[in-house]
């Protein structure tokens, strides 16, 4: 699984950070999502899927690699 984020679409709700803090952070200046890793390990994949699913801006994209 490969993860990408659209920082232009992000509204800074922070839901991704709450669900998968090992994968997502937020920029200090505006709260926009920061991707910490682009490929989650097996133990993080379900959390990343959930973060993408609940993102109100649909700013998280998942692809299989």
Protein backbone atom coordinates (compact mmCIF):
# COMPACT_ATOMS: atom_id res chain seq x y z
CA UNK A 1 0.00 0.00 0.00
CA UNK A 2 1.22 3.47 -0.90
CA UNK A 3 -0.20 6.57 0.78
CA UNK A 4 -0.34 10.05 -0.70
CA UNK A 5 -1.99 13.19 0.63
CA UNK A 6 -3.37 16.23 -1.14
CA UNK A 7 -2.28 19.10 1.09
CA UNK A 8 -4.27 21.55 -1.04
CA UNK A 9 -7.49 19.65 -0.30
CA UNK A 10 -6.76 19.14 3.41
CA UNK A 11 -8.88 21.24 5.78
CA UNK A 12 -6.81 20.44 8.89
CA UNK A 13 -9.45 18.50 10.82
CA UNK A 14 -6.76 16.23 12.31
CA UNK A 15 -8.82 13.05 12.24
CA UNK A 16 -6.02 11.21 10.42
CA UNK A 17 -3.55 12.15 13.16
CA UNK A 18 -5.89 10.86 15.87
CA UNK A 19 -6.38 7.53 14.09
CA UNK A 20 -2.87 6.93 12.74
CA UNK A 21 -0.33 9.18 14.51
CA UNK A 22 2.57 7.04 13.30
CA UNK A 23 1.65 7.88 9.69
CA UNK A 24 0.24 11.40 9.80
CA UNK A 25 1.18 14.65 11.46
CA UNK A 26 0.06 18.25 11.07
CA UNK A 27 2.04 21.33 10.12
CA UNK A 28 2.39 23.67 13.08
CA UNK A 29 1.56 26.81 11.15
CA UNK A 30 -1.79 25.76 9.69
CA UNK A 31 -2.72 22.22 10.76
CA UNK A 32 -2.47 20.80 7.25
CA UNK A 33 -1.68 17.08 7.07
CA UNK A 34 1.95 15.99 6.89
CA UNK A 35 2.67 12.47 5.70
CA UNK A 36 5.31 10.88 7.93
CA UNK A 37 5.71 7.68 5.88
CA UNK A 38 4.41 6.80 2.44
CA UNK A 39 4.16 3.05 3.00
CA UNK A 40 2.57 1.71 6.20
CA UNK A 41 3.70 -1.55 7.72
CA UNK A 42 1.17 -4.36 8.09
CA UNK A 43 0.23 -3.27 11.62
CA UNK A 44 -0.77 0.23 10.46
CA UNK A 45 -2.71 -0.55 7.28
CA UNK A 46 -6.15 -0.79 8.88
CA UNK A 47 -5.64 2.51 10.72
CA UNK A 48 -4.53 4.19 7.49
CA UNK A 49 -7.57 2.83 5.64
CA UNK A 50 -9.82 4.19 8.39
CA UNK A 51 -8.08 7.58 8.30
CA UNK A 52 -8.63 7.79 4.53
CA UNK A 53 -12.24 6.72 4.90
CA UNK A 54 -13.16 9.36 7.47
CA UNK A 55 -11.15 12.27 6.05
CA UNK A 56 -13.78 14.99 5.48
CA UNK A 57 -11.78 16.46 2.58
CA UNK A 58 -10.89 13.10 0.98
CA UNK A 59 -7.28 14.29 1.05
CA UNK A 60 -5.76 10.83 1.65
CA UNK A 61 -5.30 8.49 -1.30
CA UNK A 62 -4.34 4.83 -1.03
CA UNK A 63 -2.95 2.72 -3.86
CA UNK A 64 -1.66 -0.81 -4.00
CA UNK A 65 1.93 -1.26 -4.98
